């Protein structure tokens, strides 16, 4: 009698459980995003998200730790962009291989992909922060994360030698910080009705004029 393929079966079961966990996580994040954007941060409960996602509240607490963890997961997924390769990875690769002007052009294109996904949740937390201390802390945390990313991007952009003489790292960072702000997307796309193509072109042109 041939021995049973125990290892293969275990590997299969482990992979199947991993995929199931990923699907469950995605379902929870989807449900949380819908609830937060529809009802607001304070009014949304873990119980309502759990019901929408067909999981227990305990599952959400164990996986995400509560509403702040869910917001982080929504934000992190949004920052991946639409392609099979995460937007941040593509941005990093661009910065390793291109000159300053090409890098900024690439950032303008990435803005059209990432901003529609990430801006709504950042704007939600901005508004919630006015009345909710937990939301205020989370907004500050996400602002700090974005500032850190923009500082890293500014440092690498300056390393190309293409940034205009006299601009400091802080000044370069502040330009990137300004033109990646969710409020800019809100003003131009959500309120003025700009197309994403026009928005991305504006971001690239404005950064180029300010920095190069």
C-alpha atoms as a PDB file:
ATOM      1  CA  UNK A   1       0.000   0.000   0.000  1.00  0.00           C
ATOM      2  CA  UNK A   2       1.378   3.395  -0.952  1.00  0.00           C
ATOM      3  CA  UNK A   3       1.907   5.868   1.878  1.00  0.00           C
ATOM      4  CA  UNK A   4      -0.584   8.726   2.117  1.00  0.00           C
ATOM      5  CA  UNK A   5       0.718  12.084   0.777  1.00  0.00           C
ATOM      6  CA  UNK A   6       0.483  13.718   4.172  1.00  0.00           C
ATOM      7  CA  UNK A   7       2.812  16.628   3.416  1.00  0.00           C
ATOM      8  CA  UNK A   8       1.085  17.475   0.130  1.00  0.00           C
ATOM      9  CA  UNK A   9      -2.306  17.369   1.795  1.00  0.00           C
ATOM     10  CA  UNK A  10      -1.111  19.613   4.612  1.00  0.00           C
ATOM     11  CA  UNK A  11       0.374  22.076   2.161  1.00  0.00           C
ATOM     12  CA  UNK A  12      -2.891  22.113   0.219  1.00  0.00           C
ATOM     13  CA  UNK A  13      -4.954  22.632   3.370  1.00  0.00           C
ATOM     14  CA  UNK A  14      -2.617  25.380   4.559  1.00  0.00           C
ATOM     15  CA  UNK A  15      -2.824  27.208   1.226  1.00  0.00           C
ATOM     16  CA  UNK A  16      -6.591  26.845   1.152  1.00  0.00           C
ATOM     17  CA  UNK A  17      -6.870  28.313   4.669  1.00  0.00           C
ATOM     18  CA  UNK A  18      -4.563  31.170   3.717  1.00  0.00           C
ATOM     19  CA  UNK A  19      -6.644  32.021   0.672  1.00  0.00           C
ATOM     20  CA  UNK A  20      -9.833  31.806   2.687  1.00  0.00           C
ATOM     21  CA  UNK A  21      -8.370  34.150   5.310  1.00  0.00           C
ATOM     22  CA  UNK A  22      -7.391  36.622   2.580  1.00  0.00           C
ATOM     23  CA  UNK A  23     -10.907  36.554   1.124  1.00  0.00           C
ATOM     24  CA  UNK A  24     -12.423  37.081   4.562  1.00  0.00           C
ATOM     25  CA  UNK A  25     -10.069  39.971   5.272  1.00  0.00           C
ATOM     26  CA  UNK A  26     -10.895  41.616   1.940  1.00  0.00           C
ATOM     27  CA  UNK A  27     -14.614  41.195   2.627  1.00  0.00           C
ATOM     28  CA  UNK A  28     -14.263  42.877   6.013  1.00  0.00           C
ATOM     29  CA  UNK A  29     -12.227  45.765   4.590  1.00  0.00           C
ATOM     30  CA  UNK A  30     -14.805  46.241   1.813  1.00  0.00           C
ATOM     31  CA  UNK A  31     -17.638  46.301   4.334  1.00  0.00           C
ATOM     32  CA  UNK A  32     -15.786  48.715   6.609  1.00  0.00           C
ATOM     33  CA  UNK A  33     -15.014  51.105   3.769  1.00  0.00           C
ATOM     34  CA  UNK A  34     -18.645  51.176   2.657  1.00  0.00           C
ATOM     35  CA  UNK A  35     -19.879  51.777   6.207  1.00  0.00           C
ATOM     36  CA  UNK A  36     -17.342  54.465   7.058  1.00  0.00           C
ATOM     37  CA  UNK A  37     -17.924  56.425   3.865  1.00  0.00           C
ATOM     38  CA  UNK A  38     -21.695  56.135   4.139  1.00  0.00           C
ATOM     39  CA  UNK A  39     -22.280  56.563   7.877  1.00  0.00           C
ATOM     40  CA  UNK A  40     -19.119  58.278   9.117  1.00  0.00           C
ATOM     41  CA  UNK A  41     -16.427  57.107  11.486  1.00  0.00           C
ATOM     42  CA  UNK A  42     -18.145  57.732  14.819  1.00  0.00           C
ATOM     43  CA  UNK A  43     -21.522  56.283  13.802  1.00  0.00           C
ATOM     44  CA  UNK A  44     -20.078  53.085  12.343  1.00  0.00           C
ATOM     45  CA  UNK A  45     -19.897  50.150  14.727  1.00  0.00           C
ATOM     46  CA  UNK A  46     -17.857  46.990  14.593  1.00  0.00           C
ATOM     47  CA  UNK A  47     -21.099  45.041  14.937  1.00  0.00           C
ATOM     48  CA  UNK A  48     -22.524  46.622  11.767  1.00  0.00           C
ATOM     49  CA  UNK A  49     -19.339  45.891   9.818  1.00  0.00           C
ATOM     50  CA  UNK A  50     -19.329  42.316  11.084  1.00  0.00           C
ATOM     51  CA  UNK A  51     -22.934  41.831   9.992  1.00  0.00           C
ATOM     52  CA  UNK A  52     -22.218  43.243   6.533  1.00  0.00           C
ATOM     53  CA  UNK A  53     -19.163  41.011   6.128  1.00  0.00           C
ATOM     54  CA  UNK A  54     -20.849  37.915   7.606  1.00  0.00           C
ATOM     55  CA  UNK A  55     -18.182  37.437  10.281  1.00  0.00           C
ATOM     56  CA  UNK A  56     -18.162  37.769  14.045  1.00  0.00           C
ATOM     57  CA  UNK A  57     -17.169  40.966  15.808  1.00  0.00           C
ATOM     58  CA  UNK A  58     -14.453  38.938  17.560  1.00  0.00           C
ATOM     59  CA  UNK A  59     -12.937  38.086  14.172  1.00  0.00           C
ATOM     60  CA  UNK A  60     -12.632  41.774  13.367  1.00  0.00           C
ATOM     61  CA  UNK A  61     -11.123  42.648  16.730  1.00  0.00           C
ATOM     62  CA  UNK A  62      -8.612  39.801  16.458  1.00  0.00           C
ATOM     63  CA  UNK A  63      -7.620  40.700  12.904  1.00  0.00           C
ATOM     64  CA  UNK A  64      -7.717  44.493  13.031  1.00  0.00           C
ATOM     65  CA  UNK A  65      -7.941  45.539  16.683  1.00  0.00           C
ATOM     66  CA  UNK A  66     -10.965  47.779  16.115  1.00  0.00           C
ATOM     67  CA  UNK A  67     -11.935  50.735  13.961  1.00  0.00           C
ATOM     68  CA  UNK A  68      -8.479  52.363  13.779  1.00  0.00           C
ATOM     69  CA  UNK A  69      -7.005  49.137  12.421  1.00  0.00           C
ATOM     70  CA  UNK A  70      -9.752  48.924   9.822  1.00  0.00           C
ATOM     71  CA  UNK A  71      -9.067  52.470   8.654  1.00  0.00           C
ATOM     72  CA  UNK A  72      -5.357  51.672   8.364  1.00  0.00           C
ATOM     73  CA  UNK A  73      -6.193  48.593   6.290  1.00  0.00           C
ATOM     74  CA  UNK A  74      -8.428  50.631   3.980  1.00  0.00           C
ATOM     75  CA  UNK A  75      -5.735  53.280   3.591  1.00  0.00           C
ATOM     76  CA  UNK A  76      -2.988  50.705   2.967  1.00  0.00           C
ATOM     77  CA  UNK A  77      -5.047  48.926   0.325  1.00  0.00           C
ATOM     78  CA  UNK A  78      -5.858  52.228  -1.379  1.00  0.00           C
ATOM     79  CA  UNK A  79      -2.160  53.100  -1.570  1.00  0.00           C
ATOM     80  CA  UNK A  80      -1.523  49.914  -3.555  1.00  0.00           C
ATOM     81  CA  UNK A  81      -3.274  51.471  -6.541  1.00  0.00           C
ATOM     82  CA  UNK A  82      -4.906  49.508  -9.327  1.00  0.00           C
ATOM     83  CA  UNK A  83      -2.079  47.538 -10.902  1.00  0.00           C
ATOM     84  CA  UNK A  84      -0.661  44.127 -10.000  1.00  0.00           C
ATOM     85  CA  UNK A  85       2.477  45.873  -8.692  1.00  0.00           C
ATOM     86  CA  UNK A  86       1.877  48.206  -5.697  1.00  0.00           C
ATOM     87  CA  UNK A  87       1.966  51.894  -6.598  1.00  0.00           C
ATOM     88  CA  UNK A  88       4.639  52.592  -3.985  1.00  0.00           C
ATOM     89  CA  UNK A  89       6.863  49.885  -5.482  1.00  0.00           C
ATOM     90  CA  UNK A  90       6.429  51.390  -8.936  1.00  0.00           C
ATOM     91  CA  UNK A  91       7.240  54.833  -7.554  1.00  0.00           C
ATOM     92  CA  UNK A  92      10.391  53.514  -5.876  1.00  0.00           C
ATOM     93  CA  UNK A  93      11.492  51.791  -9.075  1.00  0.00           C
ATOM     94  CA  UNK A  94      10.885  54.968 -11.046  1.00  0.00           C
ATOM     95  CA  UNK A  95      13.047  56.955  -8.643  1.00  0.00           C
ATOM     96  CA  UNK A  96      15.919  54.489  -9.026  1.00  0.00           C
ATOM     97  CA  UNK A  97      16.033  54.629 -12.802  1.00  0.00           C
ATOM     98  CA  UNK A  98      14.769  58.008 -14.023  1.00  0.00           C
ATOM     99  CA  UNK A  99      15.705  61.682 -13.990  1.00  0.00           C
ATOM    100  CA  UNK A 100      13.826  64.245 -11.904  1.00  0.00           C
ATOM    101  CA  UNK A 101      11.443  65.355 -14.652  1.00  0.00           C
ATOM    102  CA  UNK A 102      10.481  61.798 -15.559  1.00  0.00           C
ATOM    103  CA  UNK A 103       9.973  60.933 -11.893  1.00  0.00           C
ATOM    104  CA  UNK A 104       7.553  63.825 -11.435  1.00  0.00           C
ATOM    105  CA  UNK A 105       5.694  62.873 -14.612  1.00  0.00           C
ATOM    106  CA  UNK A 106       5.317  59.388 -13.165  1.00  0.00           C
ATOM    107  CA  UNK A 107       4.025  60.784  -9.895  1.00  0.00           C
ATOM    108  CA  UNK A 108       1.372  62.709 -11.805  1.00  0.00           C
ATOM    109  CA  UNK A 109       0.164  59.487 -13.402  1.00  0.00           C
ATOM    110  CA  UNK A 110       0.198  57.644 -10.090  1.00  0.00           C
ATOM    111  CA  UNK A 111      -1.888  60.445  -8.574  1.00  0.00           C
ATOM    112  CA  UNK A 112      -4.711  59.654 -10.991  1.00  0.00           C
ATOM    113  CA  UNK A 113      -4.641  56.050  -9.818  1.00  0.00           C
ATOM    114  CA  UNK A 114      -4.133  56.427  -6.076  1.00  0.00           C
ATOM    115  CA  UNK A 115      -5.919  59.663  -5.152  1.00  0.00           C
ATOM    116  CA  UNK A 116      -9.467  58.439  -5.939  1.00  0.00           C
ATOM    117  CA  UNK A 117      -8.851  55.459  -3.681  1.00  0.00           C
ATOM    118  CA  UNK A 118      -7.062  57.029  -0.730  1.00  0.00           C
ATOM    119  CA  UNK A 119      -8.428  60.588  -0.595  1.00  0.00           C
ATOM    120  CA  UNK A 120     -11.973  59.642   0.521  1.00  0.00           C
ATOM    121  CA  UNK A 121     -10.749  57.816   3.633  1.00  0.00           C
ATOM    122  CA  UNK A 122      -8.244  60.562   4.506  1.00  0.00           C
ATOM    123  CA  UNK A 123     -10.939  63.214   4.100  1.00  0.00           C
ATOM    124  CA  UNK A 124     -13.286  61.139   6.231  1.00  0.00           C
ATOM    125  CA  UNK A 125     -10.745  61.052   9.050  1.00  0.00           C
ATOM    126  CA  UNK A 126     -10.074  64.769   8.709  1.00  0.00           C
ATOM    127  CA  UNK A 127     -13.747  65.520   9.252  1.00  0.00           C
ATOM    128  CA  UNK A 128     -14.161  62.938  12.021  1.00  0.00           C
ATOM    129  CA  UNK A 129     -11.145  64.341  13.884  1.00  0.00           C
ATOM    130  CA  UNK A 130     -13.090  67.510  14.683  1.00  0.00           C
ATOM    131  CA  UNK A 131     -15.432  65.637  17.019  1.00  0.00           C
ATOM    132  CA  UNK A 132     -13.728  62.332  17.862  1.00  0.00           C
ATOM    133  CA  UNK A 133     -10.460  62.040  19.803  1.00  0.00           C
ATOM    134  CA  UNK A 134      -9.697  58.559  18.455  1.00  0.00           C
ATOM    135  CA  UNK A 135     -10.202  59.804  14.912  1.00  0.00           C
ATOM    136  CA  UNK A 136      -7.967  62.809  15.600  1.00  0.00           C
ATOM    137  CA  UNK A 137      -5.160  60.558  16.748  1.00  0.00           C
ATOM    138  CA  UNK A 138      -5.543  58.354  13.694  1.00  0.00           C
ATOM    139  CA  UNK A 139      -5.569  61.376  11.389  1.00  0.00           C
ATOM    140  CA  UNK A 140      -2.336  62.611  12.955  1.00  0.00           C
ATOM    141  CA  UNK A 141      -0.780  59.164  12.543  1.00  0.00           C
ATOM    142  CA  UNK A 142      -1.695  58.989   8.868  1.00  0.00           C
ATOM    143  CA  UNK A 143      -0.468  62.546   8.307  1.00  0.00           C
ATOM    144  CA  UNK A 144       2.859  61.554   9.847  1.00  0.00           C
ATOM    145  CA  UNK A 145       3.044  58.505   7.577  1.00  0.00           C
ATOM    146  CA  UNK A 146       2.411  60.617   4.490  1.00  0.00           C
ATOM    147  CA  UNK A 147       4.979  63.193   5.572  1.00  0.00           C
ATOM    148  CA  UNK A 148       7.544  60.441   6.051  1.00  0.00           C
ATOM    149  CA  UNK A 149       6.869  59.101   2.541  1.00  0.00           C
ATOM    150  CA  UNK A 150       7.097  62.569   1.029  1.00  0.00           C
ATOM    151  CA  UNK A 151      10.378  63.211   2.857  1.00  0.00           C
ATOM    152  CA  UNK A 152      11.815  59.970   1.460  1.00  0.00           C
ATOM    153  CA  UNK A 153      10.599  60.900  -2.026  1.00  0.00           C
ATOM    154  CA  UNK A 154      12.062  64.390  -1.718  1.00  0.00           C
ATOM    155  CA  UNK A 155      15.423  63.015  -0.620  1.00  0.00           C
ATOM    156  CA  UNK A 156      15.585  60.664  -3.603  1.00  0.00           C
ATOM    157  CA  UNK A 157      14.410  63.342  -6.014  1.00  0.00           C
ATOM    158  CA  UNK A 158      17.181  65.641  -4.809  1.00  0.00           C
ATOM    159  CA  UNK A 159      19.684  62.819  -5.282  1.00  0.00           C
ATOM    160  CA  UNK A 160      19.054  62.957  -9.043  1.00  0.00           C
ATOM    161  CA  UNK A 161      20.636  66.416  -9.127  1.00  0.00           C
ATOM    162  CA  UNK A 162      17.629  67.839 -10.938  1.00  0.00           C
ATOM    163  CA  UNK A 163      16.078  69.875  -8.153  1.00  0.00           C
ATOM    164  CA  UNK A 164      16.569  73.624  -8.499  1.00  0.00           C
ATOM    165  CA  UNK A 165      19.549  75.000  -6.584  1.00  0.00           C
ATOM    166  CA  UNK A 166      18.711  76.672  -3.304  1.00  0.00           C
ATOM    167  CA  UNK A 167      15.760  74.453  -2.394  1.00  0.00           C
ATOM    168  CA  UNK A 168      16.245  72.609   0.876  1.00  0.00           C
ATOM    169  CA  UNK A 169      15.042  69.113   1.701  1.00  0.00           C
ATOM    170  CA  UNK A 170      12.293  70.609   3.841  1.00  0.00           C
ATOM    171  CA  UNK A 171      11.130  72.904   1.044  1.00  0.00           C
ATOM    172  CA  UNK A 172      11.138  70.033  -1.446  1.00  0.00           C
ATOM    173  CA  UNK A 173       9.196  67.868   0.986  1.00  0.00           C
ATOM    174  CA  UNK A 174       6.605  70.580   1.531  1.00  0.00           C
ATOM    175  CA  UNK A 175       5.946  70.839  -2.203  1.00  0.00           C
ATOM    176  CA  UNK A 176       5.361  67.085  -2.448  1.00  0.00           C
ATOM    177  CA  UNK A 177       3.265  67.174   0.736  1.00  0.00           C
ATOM    178  CA  UNK A 178       1.054  69.918  -0.723  1.00  0.00           C
ATOM    179  CA  UNK A 179       0.431  68.360  -4.129  1.00  0.00           C
ATOM    180  CA  UNK A 180      -0.360  64.920  -2.705  1.00  0.00           C
ATOM    181  CA  UNK A 181      -2.814  66.305  -0.130  1.00  0.00           C
ATOM    182  CA  UNK A 182      -6.317  64.808  -0.215  1.00  0.00           C
ATOM    183  CA  UNK A 183      -7.663  68.355   0.068  1.00  0.00           C
ATOM    184  CA  UNK A 184      -6.259  69.156  -3.386  1.00  0.00           C
ATOM    185  CA  UNK A 185      -8.116  66.191  -4.863  1.00  0.00           C
ATOM    186  CA  UNK A 186     -11.227  67.323  -3.015  1.00  0.00           C
ATOM    187  CA  UNK A 187     -10.995  70.887  -4.356  1.00  0.00           C
ATOM    188  CA  UNK A 188     -10.239  70.074  -7.978  1.00  0.00           C
ATOM    189  CA  UNK A 189     -11.877  66.718  -8.671  1.00  0.00           C
ATOM    190  CA  UNK A 190     -14.736  66.431  -6.196  1.00  0.00           C
ATOM    191  CA  UNK A 191     -15.724  70.086  -6.058  1.00  0.00           C
ATOM    192  CA  UNK A 192     -14.591  71.544  -9.386  1.00  0.00           C
ATOM    193  CA  UNK A 193     -15.309  68.406 -11.392  1.00  0.00           C
ATOM    194  CA  UNK A 194     -11.888  68.014 -12.989  1.00  0.00           C
ATOM    195  CA  UNK A 195     -11.149  64.772 -14.784  1.00  0.00           C
ATOM    196  CA  UNK A 196      -8.475  62.540 -13.307  1.00  0.00           C
ATOM    197  CA  UNK A 197      -6.332  63.089 -16.388  1.00  0.00           C
ATOM    198  CA  UNK A 198      -6.471  66.860 -15.900  1.00  0.00           C
ATOM    199  CA  UNK A 199      -5.776  66.474 -12.198  1.00  0.00           C
ATOM    200  CA  UNK A 200      -2.699  64.299 -12.787  1.00  0.00           C
ATOM    201  CA  UNK A 201      -1.384  66.735 -15.407  1.00  0.00           C
ATOM    202  CA  UNK A 202      -1.834  69.631 -12.981  1.00  0.00           C
ATOM    203  CA  UNK A 203       0.020  67.817 -10.193  1.00  0.00           C
ATOM    204  CA  UNK A 204       2.963  67.001 -12.463  1.00  0.00           C
ATOM    205  CA  UNK A 205       3.146  70.499 -13.953  1.00  0.00           C
ATOM    206  CA  UNK A 206       2.883  72.207 -10.569  1.00  0.00           C
ATOM    207  CA  UNK A 207       5.590  70.036  -9.009  1.00  0.00           C
ATOM    208  CA  UNK A 208       7.849  70.587 -12.013  1.00  0.00           C
ATOM    209  CA  UNK A 209       7.402  74.361 -11.864  1.00  0.00           C
ATOM    210  CA  UNK A 210       8.024  74.459  -8.125  1.00  0.00           C
ATOM    211  CA  UNK A 211      11.015  72.140  -7.984  1.00  0.00           C
ATOM    212  CA  UNK A 212      12.941  71.954 -11.248  1.00  0.00           C
END
